[in-house]
Amino acid sequence: MDIGILFKIAGIGIIITVICQILKKSDRDDIATLVSIVGLVIVLAVVVGIVGDLFNEIQAIFGLT
């Protein structure tokens, strides 16, 4: 696993948090909620890809293909 993936996920989290705080301060709570859900979906897509790669590696190691 590459440490860059962790930085990418942390960067997405920081950006989403800043955007949500700006939107909440400007009384756009509904859009802030939507932005946080979109950020969660993006991070989950990255994690699902990583887990898929992990399963492929496990199959290759144990010869289960």
N, C-alpha and C. Protein backbone atom coordinates (compact mmCIF):
# COMPACT_ATOMS: atom_id res chain seq x y z
N MET A 1 0.83 -1.18 0.00
CA MET A 1 0.00 0.00 0.00
C MET A 1 0.88 1.24 0.00
N ASP A 2 0.47 2.18 -0.77
CA ASP A 2 1.24 3.40 -0.93
C ASP A 2 0.76 4.46 0.06
N ILE A 3 1.69 5.20 0.65
CA ILE A 3 1.33 6.23 1.62
C ILE A 3 0.62 7.40 0.93
N GLY A 4 0.81 7.53 -0.39
CA GLY A 4 0.15 8.59 -1.14
C GLY A 4 -1.36 8.48 -1.12
N ILE A 5 -1.86 7.26 -1.02
CA ILE A 5 -3.31 7.05 -0.96
C ILE A 5 -3.87 7.65 0.33
N LEU A 6 -3.16 7.48 1.42
CA LEU A 6 -3.61 8.05 2.69
C LEU A 6 -3.61 9.58 2.63
N PHE A 7 -2.60 10.15 1.99
CA PHE A 7 -2.56 11.61 1.84
C PHE A 7 -3.69 12.10 0.94
N LYS A 8 -4.01 11.31 -0.09
CA LYS A 8 -5.10 11.68 -0.99
C LYS A 8 -6.43 11.70 -0.23
N ILE A 9 -6.68 10.67 0.57
CA ILE A 9 -7.92 10.60 1.35
C ILE A 9 -7.97 11.73 2.38
N ALA A 10 -6.85 12.00 3.04
CA ALA A 10 -6.81 13.09 4.01
C ALA A 10 -7.01 14.44 3.32
N GLY A 11 -6.43 14.62 2.15
CA GLY A 11 -6.61 15.86 1.40
C GLY A 11 -8.05 16.09 1.00
N ILE A 12 -8.70 15.02 0.55
CA ILE A 12 -10.12 15.12 0.19
C ILE A 12 -10.93 15.50 1.42
N GLY A 13 -10.62 14.90 2.55
CA GLY A 13 -11.34 15.21 3.79
C GLY A 13 -11.17 16.66 4.21
N ILE A 14 -9.96 17.16 4.09
CA ILE A 14 -9.70 18.56 4.48
C ILE A 14 -10.42 19.52 3.54
N ILE A 15 -10.36 19.25 2.25
CA ILE A 15 -11.04 20.13 1.28
C ILE A 15 -12.54 20.13 1.50
N ILE A 16 -13.11 18.95 1.71
CA ILE A 16 -14.56 18.85 1.92
C ILE A 16 -14.95 19.57 3.21
N THR A 17 -14.15 19.44 4.25
CA THR A 17 -14.44 20.11 5.51
C THR A 17 -14.43 21.63 5.35
N VAL A 18 -13.44 22.15 4.65
CA VAL A 18 -13.37 23.60 4.43
C VAL A 18 -14.56 24.09 3.62
N ILE A 19 -14.90 23.36 2.57
CA ILE A 19 -16.04 23.77 1.75
C ILE A 19 -17.33 23.74 2.57
N CYS A 20 -17.50 22.69 3.38
CA CYS A 20 -18.71 22.59 4.21
C CYS A 20 -18.79 23.73 5.23
N GLN A 21 -17.68 24.09 5.84
CA GLN A 21 -17.68 25.18 6.81
C GLN A 21 -18.02 26.51 6.14
N ILE A 22 -17.48 26.73 4.95
CA ILE A 22 -17.80 27.96 4.22
C ILE A 22 -19.29 28.00 3.87
N LEU A 23 -19.82 26.88 3.41
CA LEU A 23 -21.23 26.83 3.05
C LEU A 23 -22.14 26.99 4.27
N LYS A 24 -21.75 26.42 5.40
CA LYS A 24 -22.57 26.56 6.61
C LYS A 24 -22.56 27.99 7.12
N LYS A 25 -21.43 28.67 7.00
CA LYS A 25 -21.36 30.07 7.44
C LYS A 25 -22.21 30.98 6.56
N SER A 26 -22.41 30.58 5.30
CA SER A 26 -23.23 31.39 4.40
C SER A 26 -24.67 30.87 4.33
N ASP A 27 -25.09 30.13 5.35
CA ASP A 27 -26.46 29.61 5.49
C ASP A 27 -26.90 28.75 4.30
N ARG A 28 -26.01 27.91 3.84
CA ARG A 28 -26.32 26.95 2.78
C ARG A 28 -26.13 25.53 3.33
N ASP A 29 -26.88 25.21 4.39
CA ASP A 29 -26.72 23.92 5.06
C ASP A 29 -27.09 22.75 4.16
N ASP A 30 -28.09 22.93 3.30
CA ASP A 30 -28.49 21.83 2.43
C ASP A 30 -27.40 21.49 1.42
N ILE A 31 -26.75 22.50 0.87
CA ILE A 31 -25.67 22.25 -0.08
C ILE A 31 -24.45 21.69 0.64
N ALA A 32 -24.20 22.14 1.88
CA ALA A 32 -23.09 21.61 2.66
C ALA A 32 -23.27 20.12 2.93
N THR A 33 -24.50 19.72 3.21
CA THR A 33 -24.77 18.30 3.42
C THR A 33 -24.54 17.51 2.15
N LEU A 34 -24.96 18.06 1.03
CA LEU A 34 -24.75 17.40 -0.25
C LEU A 34 -23.27 17.27 -0.57
N VAL A 35 -22.49 18.30 -0.29
CA VAL A 35 -21.05 18.26 -0.54
C VAL A 35 -20.38 17.20 0.33
N SER A 36 -20.80 17.09 1.58
CA SER A 36 -20.19 16.08 2.45
C SER A 36 -20.56 14.67 2.00
N ILE A 37 -21.77 14.48 1.49
CA ILE A 37 -22.14 13.16 0.97
C ILE A 37 -21.34 12.82 -0.28
N VAL A 38 -21.14 13.80 -1.15
CA VAL A 38 -20.33 13.58 -2.35
C VAL A 38 -18.89 13.24 -1.96
N GLY A 39 -18.34 13.92 -0.97
CA GLY A 39 -16.99 13.61 -0.50
C GLY A 39 -16.89 12.21 0.05
N LEU A 40 -17.91 11.79 0.78
CA LEU A 40 -17.93 10.43 1.32
C LEU A 40 -17.97 9.40 0.20
N VAL A 41 -18.76 9.65 -0.82
CA VAL A 41 -18.85 8.73 -1.95
C VAL A 41 -17.51 8.64 -2.69
N ILE A 42 -16.83 9.76 -2.84
CA ILE A 42 -15.53 9.76 -3.51
C ILE A 42 -14.52 8.92 -2.72
N VAL A 43 -14.48 9.12 -1.42
CA VAL A 43 -13.54 8.37 -0.58
C VAL A 43 -13.90 6.89 -0.58
N LEU A 44 -15.18 6.57 -0.52
CA LEU A 44 -15.59 5.16 -0.56
C LEU A 44 -15.22 4.51 -1.89
N ALA A 45 -15.31 5.24 -2.99
CA ALA A 45 -14.90 4.70 -4.28
C ALA A 45 -13.41 4.38 -4.29
N VAL A 46 -12.61 5.26 -3.71
CA VAL A 46 -11.17 5.01 -3.63
C VAL A 46 -10.89 3.78 -2.77
N VAL A 47 -11.57 3.66 -1.64
CA VAL A 47 -11.34 2.54 -0.72
C VAL A 47 -11.80 1.23 -1.35
N VAL A 48 -12.92 1.24 -2.06
CA VAL A 48 -13.40 0.02 -2.72
C VAL A 48 -12.39 -0.44 -3.77
N GLY A 49 -11.80 0.49 -4.49
CA GLY A 49 -10.76 0.13 -5.45
C GLY A 49 -9.55 -0.50 -4.78
N ILE A 50 -9.16 0.03 -3.64
CA ILE A 50 -8.01 -0.52 -2.90
C ILE A 50 -8.33 -1.92 -2.39
N VAL A 51 -9.54 -2.11 -1.86
CA VAL A 51 -9.93 -3.43 -1.36
C VAL A 51 -10.00 -4.44 -2.50
N GLY A 52 -10.48 -4.01 -3.66
CA GLY A 52 -10.49 -4.90 -4.82
C GLY A 52 -9.09 -5.33 -5.23
N ASP A 53 -8.15 -4.40 -5.21
CA ASP A 53 -6.76 -4.74 -5.50
C ASP A 53 -6.20 -5.70 -4.46
N LEU A 54 -6.58 -5.51 -3.20
CA LEU A 54 -6.13 -6.40 -2.13
C LEU A 54 -6.62 -7.82 -2.38
N PHE A 55 -7.90 -7.97 -2.74
CA PHE A 55 -8.43 -9.30 -3.01
C PHE A 55 -7.75 -9.95 -4.21
N ASN A 56 -7.44 -9.17 -5.23
CA ASN A 56 -6.71 -9.71 -6.38
C ASN A 56 -5.32 -10.19 -5.98
N GLU A 57 -4.65 -9.44 -5.13
CA GLU A 57 -3.32 -9.85 -4.64
C GLU A 57 -3.40 -11.13 -3.83
N ILE A 58 -4.42 -11.24 -2.97
CA ILE A 58 -4.59 -12.45 -2.16
C ILE A 58 -4.85 -13.66 -3.05
N GLN A 59 -5.69 -13.47 -4.08
CA GLN A 59 -5.95 -14.57 -5.02
C GLN A 59 -4.67 -14.98 -5.75
N ALA A 60 -3.86 -14.02 -6.13
CA ALA A 60 -2.63 -14.33 -6.83
C ALA A 60 -1.64 -15.03 -5.91
N ILE A 61 -1.57 -14.63 -4.66
CA ILE A 61 -0.63 -15.23 -3.73
C ILE A 61 -0.98 -16.69 -3.46
N PHE A 62 -2.27 -16.96 -3.23
CA PHE A 62 -2.69 -18.31 -2.91
C PHE A 62 -3.08 -19.13 -4.12
N GLY A 63 -3.02 -18.56 -5.29
CA GLY A 63 -3.32 -19.29 -6.52
C GLY A 63 -4.78 -19.71 -6.62
N LEU A 64 -5.69 -18.83 -6.25
CA LEU A 64 -7.11 -19.15 -6.23
C LEU A 64 -7.82 -18.77 -7.53
N THR A 65 -7.09 -18.31 -8.52
CA THR A 65 -7.73 -17.86 -9.75
C THR A 65 -8.14 -18.99 -10.65
